[in-house]
Amino acid sequence: MHCPALIVMAEKDSVISPRALERTASRMEKATLVRFPVGHFGVYLGETFEKVVELEANFLAKYLLNRL
């Protein structure tokens, strides 16, 4: 069994290549790639941060809570 993964991508990232994340996600059997139109640190601010936290919490609940 392969581990599910959540990949949060900043589309305007100047530190990590968005294309590299897309390639990586495409090679993973159970990857969920979510894109946000922000820069590298934009996922830690304001409304985007709230959305990311909700995504992460839902992902963890889906894959971990049912396993306990």
PDB file of N, CA and C in Angstrom:
ATOM      1  N   MET A   1       0.845  -1.181   0.000  1.00  0.00           N
ATOM      2  CA  MET A   1       0.000   0.000   0.000  1.00  0.00           C
ATOM      3  C   MET A   1       0.887   1.240   0.000  1.00  0.00           C
ATOM      4  N   HIS A   2       0.541   2.200  -0.830  1.00  0.00           N
ATOM      5  CA  HIS A   2       1.292   3.443  -0.906  1.00  0.00           C
ATOM      6  C   HIS A   2       0.618   4.504  -0.051  1.00  0.00           C
ATOM      7  N   CYS A   3       1.419   5.347   0.512  1.00  0.00           N
ATOM      8  CA  CYS A   3       0.957   6.391   1.421  1.00  0.00           C
ATOM      9  C   CYS A   3       0.343   7.553   0.645  1.00  0.00           C
ATOM     10  N   PRO A   4      -0.837   8.022   1.042  1.00  0.00           N
ATOM     11  CA  PRO A   4      -1.410   9.211   0.408  1.00  0.00           C
ATOM     12  C   PRO A   4      -0.590  10.443   0.793  1.00  0.00           C
ATOM     13  N   ALA A   5      -0.551  11.418  -0.104  1.00  0.00           N
ATOM     14  CA  ALA A   5       0.205  12.638   0.155  1.00  0.00           C
ATOM     15  C   ALA A   5      -0.592  13.842  -0.330  1.00  0.00           C
ATOM     16  N   LEU A   6      -0.512  14.910   0.429  1.00  0.00           N
ATOM     17  CA  LEU A   6      -1.109  16.185   0.047  1.00  0.00           C
ATOM     18  C   LEU A   6       0.030  17.130  -0.301  1.00  0.00           C
ATOM     19  N   ILE A   7      -0.001  17.664  -1.511  1.00  0.00           N
ATOM     20  CA  ILE A   7       1.018  18.613  -1.951  1.00  0.00           C
ATOM     21  C   ILE A   7       0.329  19.948  -2.191  1.00  0.00           C
ATOM     22  N   VAL A   8       0.757  20.959  -1.453  1.00  0.00           N
ATOM     23  CA  VAL A   8       0.214  22.308  -1.601  1.00  0.00           C
ATOM     24  C   VAL A   8       1.223  23.106  -2.424  1.00  0.00           C
ATOM     25  N   MET A   9       0.779  23.584  -3.571  1.00  0.00           N
ATOM     26  CA  MET A   9       1.678  24.260  -4.496  1.00  0.00           C
ATOM     27  C   MET A   9       1.358  25.747  -4.596  1.00  0.00           C
ATOM     28  N   ALA A  10       2.392  26.568  -4.448  1.00  0.00           N
ATOM     29  CA  ALA A  10       2.289  28.002  -4.696  1.00  0.00           C
ATOM     30  C   ALA A  10       2.656  28.216  -6.159  1.00  0.00           C
ATOM     31  N   GLU A  11       1.684  28.605  -6.976  1.00  0.00           N
ATOM     32  CA  GLU A  11       1.909  28.714  -8.416  1.00  0.00           C
ATOM     33  C   GLU A  11       2.952  29.765  -8.797  1.00  0.00           C
ATOM     34  N   LYS A  12       3.147  30.762  -7.936  1.00  0.00           N
ATOM     35  CA  LYS A  12       4.103  31.834  -8.227  1.00  0.00           C
ATOM     36  C   LYS A  12       5.375  31.679  -7.392  1.00  0.00           C
ATOM     37  N   ASP A  13       5.667  30.456  -7.002  1.00  0.00           N
ATOM     38  CA  ASP A  13       6.816  30.174  -6.143  1.00  0.00           C
ATOM     39  C   ASP A  13       8.123  30.455  -6.874  1.00  0.00           C
ATOM     40  N   SER A  14       9.028  31.179  -6.218  1.00  0.00           N
ATOM     41  CA  SER A  14      10.342  31.449  -6.799  1.00  0.00           C
ATOM     42  C   SER A  14      11.430  30.629  -6.101  1.00  0.00           C
ATOM     43  N   VAL A  15      11.046  29.802  -5.123  1.00  0.00           N
ATOM     44  CA  VAL A  15      11.988  28.975  -4.385  1.00  0.00           C
ATOM     45  C   VAL A  15      11.915  27.523  -4.841  1.00  0.00           C
ATOM     46  N   ILE A  16      10.703  27.014  -4.961  1.00  0.00           N
ATOM     47  CA  ILE A  16      10.481  25.629  -5.391  1.00  0.00           C
ATOM     48  C   ILE A  16       9.741  25.659  -6.722  1.00  0.00           C
ATOM     49  N   SER A  17      10.243  24.981  -7.699  1.00  0.00           N
ATOM     50  CA  SER A  17       9.664  24.986  -9.038  1.00  0.00           C
ATOM     51  C   SER A  17       8.280  24.339  -9.053  1.00  0.00           C
ATOM     52  N   PRO A  18       7.244  25.093  -9.446  1.00  0.00           N
ATOM     53  CA  PRO A  18       5.915  24.494  -9.564  1.00  0.00           C
ATOM     54  C   PRO A  18       5.903  23.303 -10.534  1.00  0.00           C
ATOM     55  N   ARG A  19       6.683  23.383 -11.589  1.00  0.00           N
ATOM     56  CA  ARG A  19       6.746  22.253 -12.543  1.00  0.00           C
ATOM     57  C   ARG A  19       7.314  21.004 -11.879  1.00  0.00           C
ATOM     58  N   ALA A  20       8.303  21.188 -11.015  1.00  0.00           N
ATOM     59  CA  ALA A  20       8.883  20.044 -10.306  1.00  0.00           C
ATOM     60  C   ALA A  20       7.842  19.405  -9.399  1.00  0.00           C
ATOM     61  N   LEU A  21       7.032  20.214  -8.747  1.00  0.00           N
ATOM     62  CA  LEU A  21       5.968  19.666  -7.899  1.00  0.00           C
ATOM     63  C   LEU A  21       4.926  18.920  -8.731  1.00  0.00           C
ATOM     64  N   GLU A  22       4.589  19.463  -9.882  1.00  0.00           N
ATOM     65  CA  GLU A  22       3.631  18.785 -10.759  1.00  0.00           C
ATOM     66  C   GLU A  22       4.179  17.436 -11.227  1.00  0.00           C
ATOM     67  N   ARG A  23       5.447  17.409 -11.608  1.00  0.00           N
ATOM     68  CA  ARG A  23       6.059  16.143 -12.038  1.00  0.00           C
ATOM     69  C   ARG A  23       6.095  15.136 -10.896  1.00  0.00           C
ATOM     70  N   THR A  24       6.469  15.607  -9.724  1.00  0.00           N
ATOM     71  CA  THR A  24       6.521  14.722  -8.561  1.00  0.00           C
ATOM     72  C   THR A  24       5.146  14.155  -8.257  1.00  0.00           C
ATOM     73  N   ALA A  25       4.143  15.010  -8.223  1.00  0.00           N
ATOM     74  CA  ALA A  25       2.782  14.556  -7.927  1.00  0.00           C
ATOM     75  C   ALA A  25       2.291  13.556  -8.969  1.00  0.00           C
ATOM     76  N   SER A  26       2.645  13.770 -10.223  1.00  0.00           N
ATOM     77  CA  SER A  26       2.183  12.865 -11.281  1.00  0.00           C
ATOM     78  C   SER A  26       2.797  11.475 -11.161  1.00  0.00           C
ATOM     79  N   ARG A  27       3.931  11.378 -10.485  1.00  0.00           N
ATOM     80  CA  ARG A  27       4.609  10.093 -10.305  1.00  0.00           C
ATOM     81  C   ARG A  27       4.152   9.353  -9.050  1.00  0.00           C
ATOM     82  N   MET A  28       3.399  10.032  -8.226  1.00  0.00           N
ATOM     83  CA  MET A  28       2.942   9.428  -6.972  1.00  0.00           C
ATOM     84  C   MET A  28       1.559   8.815  -7.157  1.00  0.00           C
ATOM     85  N   GLU A  29       1.397   7.628  -6.644  1.00  0.00           N
ATOM     86  CA  GLU A  29       0.151   6.899  -6.831  1.00  0.00           C
ATOM     87  C   GLU A  29      -1.048   7.572  -6.155  1.00  0.00           C
ATOM     88  N   LYS A  30      -0.841   8.108  -4.962  1.00  0.00           N
ATOM     89  CA  LYS A  30      -1.958   8.666  -4.205  1.00  0.00           C
ATOM     90  C   LYS A  30      -1.695  10.112  -3.799  1.00  0.00           C
ATOM     91  N   ALA A  31      -1.275  10.918  -4.743  1.00  0.00           N
ATOM     92  CA  ALA A  31      -0.993  12.323  -4.448  1.00  0.00           C
ATOM     93  C   ALA A  31      -2.189  13.195  -4.778  1.00  0.00           C
ATOM     94  N   THR A  32      -2.443  14.147  -3.906  1.00  0.00           N
ATOM     95  CA  THR A  32      -3.425  15.189  -4.159  1.00  0.00           C
ATOM     96  C   THR A  32      -2.650  16.490  -4.259  1.00  0.00           C
ATOM     97  N   LEU A  33      -2.715  17.131  -5.422  1.00  0.00           N
ATOM     98  CA  LEU A  33      -2.009  18.389  -5.656  1.00  0.00           C
ATOM     99  C   LEU A  33      -3.031  19.514  -5.652  1.00  0.00           C
ATOM    100  N   VAL A  34      -2.812  20.496  -4.780  1.00  0.00           N
ATOM    101  CA  VAL A  34      -3.701  21.653  -4.686  1.00  0.00           C
ATOM    102  C   VAL A  34      -2.877  22.895  -4.990  1.00  0.00           C
ATOM    103  N   ARG A  35      -3.372  23.703  -5.908  1.00  0.00           N
ATOM    104  CA  ARG A  35      -2.645  24.890  -6.368  1.00  0.00           C
ATOM    105  C   ARG A  35      -3.258  26.168  -5.778  1.00  0.00           C
ATOM    106  N   PHE A  36      -2.390  27.102  -5.431  1.00  0.00           N
ATOM    107  CA  PHE A  36      -2.823  28.420  -4.997  1.00  0.00           C
ATOM    108  C   PHE A  36      -2.038  29.464  -5.781  1.00  0.00           C
ATOM    109  N   PRO A  37      -2.698  30.543  -6.232  1.00  0.00           N
ATOM    110  CA  PRO A  37      -2.031  31.568  -7.041  1.00  0.00           C
ATOM    111  C   PRO A  37      -1.251  32.563  -6.179  1.00  0.00           C
ATOM    112  N   VAL A  38      -0.277  32.050  -5.431  1.00  0.00           N
ATOM    113  CA  VAL A  38       0.508  32.879  -4.513  1.00  0.00           C
ATOM    114  C   VAL A  38       1.989  32.532  -4.650  1.00  0.00           C
ATOM    115  N   GLY A  39       2.829  33.340  -3.992  1.00  0.00           N
ATOM    116  CA  GLY A  39       4.256  33.068  -3.939  1.00  0.00           C
ATOM    117  C   GLY A  39       4.578  32.074  -2.832  1.00  0.00           C
ATOM    118  N   HIS A  40       5.864  31.823  -2.641  1.00  0.00           N
ATOM    119  CA  HIS A  40       6.329  30.784  -1.726  1.00  0.00           C
ATOM    120  C   HIS A  40       5.741  30.893  -0.315  1.00  0.00           C
ATOM    121  N   PHE A  41       5.735  32.080   0.252  1.00  0.00           N
ATOM    122  CA  PHE A  41       5.238  32.250   1.617  1.00  0.00           C
ATOM    123  C   PHE A  41       3.763  32.647   1.664  1.00  0.00           C
ATOM    124  N   GLY A  42       3.134  32.798   0.523  1.00  0.00           N
ATOM    125  CA  GLY A  42       1.730  33.204   0.470  1.00  0.00           C
ATOM    126  C   GLY A  42       0.767  32.222   1.107  1.00  0.00           C
ATOM    127  N   VAL A  43       1.174  30.965   1.209  1.00  0.00           N
ATOM    128  CA  VAL A  43       0.288  29.958   1.820  1.00  0.00           C
ATOM    129  C   VAL A  43       0.210  30.120   3.332  1.00  0.00           C
ATOM    130  N   TYR A  44       1.028  31.004   3.905  1.00  0.00           N
ATOM    131  CA  TYR A  44       1.035  31.221   5.349  1.00  0.00           C
ATOM    132  C   TYR A  44       0.328  32.504   5.760  1.00  0.00           C
ATOM    133  N   LEU A  45      -0.375  33.118   4.820  1.00  0.00           N
ATOM    134  CA  LEU A  45      -0.980  34.421   5.094  1.00  0.00           C
ATOM    135  C   LEU A  45      -2.473  34.464   4.767  1.00  0.00           C
ATOM    136  N   GLY A  46      -3.220  35.146   5.607  1.00  0.00           N
ATOM    137  CA  GLY A  46      -4.606  35.499   5.334  1.00  0.00           C
ATOM    138  C   GLY A  46      -5.529  34.363   4.943  1.00  0.00           C
ATOM    139  N   GLU A  47      -6.363  34.651   3.961  1.00  0.00           N
ATOM    140  CA  GLU A  47      -7.389  33.715   3.498  1.00  0.00           C
ATOM    141  C   GLU A  47      -6.771  32.435   2.931  1.00  0.00           C
ATOM    142  N   THR A  48      -5.658  32.564   2.236  1.00  0.00           N
ATOM    143  CA  THR A  48      -5.000  31.377   1.686  1.00  0.00           C
ATOM    144  C   THR A  48      -4.558  30.447   2.810  1.00  0.00           C
ATOM    145  N   PHE A  49      -4.008  31.019   3.871  1.00  0.00           N
ATOM    146  CA  PHE A  49      -3.595  30.215   5.021  1.00  0.00           C
ATOM    147  C   PHE A  49      -4.786  29.454   5.605  1.00  0.00           C
ATOM    148  N   GLU A  50      -5.906  30.130   5.742  1.00  0.00           N
ATOM    149  CA  GLU A  50      -7.108  29.486   6.283  1.00  0.00           C
ATOM    150  C   GLU A  50      -7.539  28.316   5.395  1.00  0.00           C
ATOM    151  N   LYS A  51      -7.476  28.490   4.089  1.00  0.00           N
ATOM    152  CA  LYS A  51      -7.838  27.417   3.156  1.00  0.00           C
ATOM    153  C   LYS A  51      -6.863  26.244   3.258  1.00  0.00           C
ATOM    154  N   VAL A  52      -5.575  26.553   3.359  1.00  0.00           N
ATOM    155  CA  VAL A  52      -4.557  25.501   3.463  1.00  0.00           C
ATOM    156  C   VAL A  52      -4.746  24.698   4.745  1.00  0.00           C
ATOM    157  N   VAL A  53      -4.970  25.377   5.844  1.00  0.00           N
ATOM    158  CA  VAL A  53      -5.180  24.693   7.119  1.00  0.00           C
ATOM    159  C   VAL A  53      -6.406  23.784   7.048  1.00  0.00           C
ATOM    160  N   GLU A  54      -7.466  24.262   6.429  1.00  0.00           N
ATOM    161  CA  GLU A  54      -8.675  23.440   6.284  1.00  0.00           C
ATOM    162  C   GLU A  54      -8.398  22.211   5.412  1.00  0.00           C
ATOM    163  N   LEU A  55      -7.682  22.407   4.313  1.00  0.00           N
ATOM    164  CA  LEU A  55      -7.311  21.282   3.444  1.00  0.00           C
ATOM    165  C   LEU A  55      -6.491  20.245   4.207  1.00  0.00           C
ATOM    166  N   GLU A  56      -5.497  20.734   4.951  1.00  0.00           N
ATOM    167  CA  GLU A  56      -4.628  19.824   5.699  1.00  0.00           C
ATOM    168  C   GLU A  56      -5.406  19.070   6.773  1.00  0.00           C
ATOM    169  N   ALA A  57      -6.267  19.774   7.485  1.00  0.00           N
ATOM    170  CA  ALA A  57      -7.063  19.128   8.533  1.00  0.00           C
ATOM    171  C   ALA A  57      -7.983  18.071   7.931  1.00  0.00           C
ATOM    172  N   ASN A  58      -8.627  18.384   6.820  1.00  0.00           N
ATOM    173  CA  ASN A  58      -9.512  17.416   6.166  1.00  0.00           C
ATOM    174  C   ASN A  58      -8.740  16.209   5.652  1.00  0.00           C
ATOM    175  N   PHE A  59      -7.558  16.463   5.090  1.00  0.00           N
ATOM    176  CA  PHE A  59      -6.712  15.375   4.594  1.00  0.00           C
ATOM    177  C   PHE A  59      -6.323  14.440   5.739  1.00  0.00           C
ATOM    178  N   LEU A  60      -5.849  15.028   6.838  1.00  0.00           N
ATOM    179  CA  LEU A  60      -5.444  14.217   7.980  1.00  0.00           C
ATOM    180  C   LEU A  60      -6.627  13.459   8.581  1.00  0.00           C
ATOM    181  N   ALA A  61      -7.759  14.105   8.670  1.00  0.00           N
ATOM    182  CA  ALA A  61      -8.950  13.433   9.200  1.00  0.00           C
ATOM    183  C   ALA A  61      -9.344  12.258   8.312  1.00  0.00           C
ATOM    184  N   LYS A  62      -9.300  12.459   7.017  1.00  0.00           N
ATOM    185  CA  LYS A  62      -9.682  11.404   6.074  1.00  0.00           C
ATOM    186  C   LYS A  62      -8.772  10.183   6.184  1.00  0.00           C
ATOM    187  N   TYR A  63      -7.482  10.416   6.278  1.00  0.00           N
ATOM    188  CA  TYR A  63      -6.544   9.298   6.239  1.00  0.00           C
ATOM    189  C   TYR A  63      -6.045   8.805   7.579  1.00  0.00           C
ATOM    190  N   LEU A  64      -6.226   9.601   8.636  1.00  0.00           N
ATOM    191  CA  LEU A  64      -5.728   9.155   9.940  1.00  0.00           C
ATOM    192  C   LEU A  64      -6.824   8.808  10.942  1.00  0.00           C
ATOM    193  N   LEU A  65      -7.871   9.584  10.997  1.00  0.00           N
ATOM    194  CA  LEU A  65      -8.898   9.334  12.012  1.00  0.00           C
ATOM    195  C   LEU A  65      -9.566   7.983  11.848  1.00  0.00           C
ATOM    196  N   ASN A  66      -9.740   7.556  10.633  1.00  0.00           N
ATOM    197  CA  ASN A  66     -10.370   6.258  10.394  1.00  0.00           C
ATOM    198  C   ASN A  66      -9.431   5.092  10.688  1.00  0.00           C
ATOM    199  N   ARG A  67      -8.148   5.395  10.898  1.00  0.00           N
ATOM    200  CA  ARG A  67      -7.151   4.344  11.136  1.00  0.00           C
ATOM    201  C   ARG A  67      -6.914   4.099  12.620  1.00  0.00           C
ATOM    202  N   LEU A  68      -7.392   5.007  13.473  1.00  0.00           N
ATOM    203  CA  LEU A  68      -7.142   4.901  14.917  1.00  0.00           C
ATOM    204  C   LEU A  68      -8.052   3.878  15.566  1.00  0.00           C
TER     205      LEU A  68
END
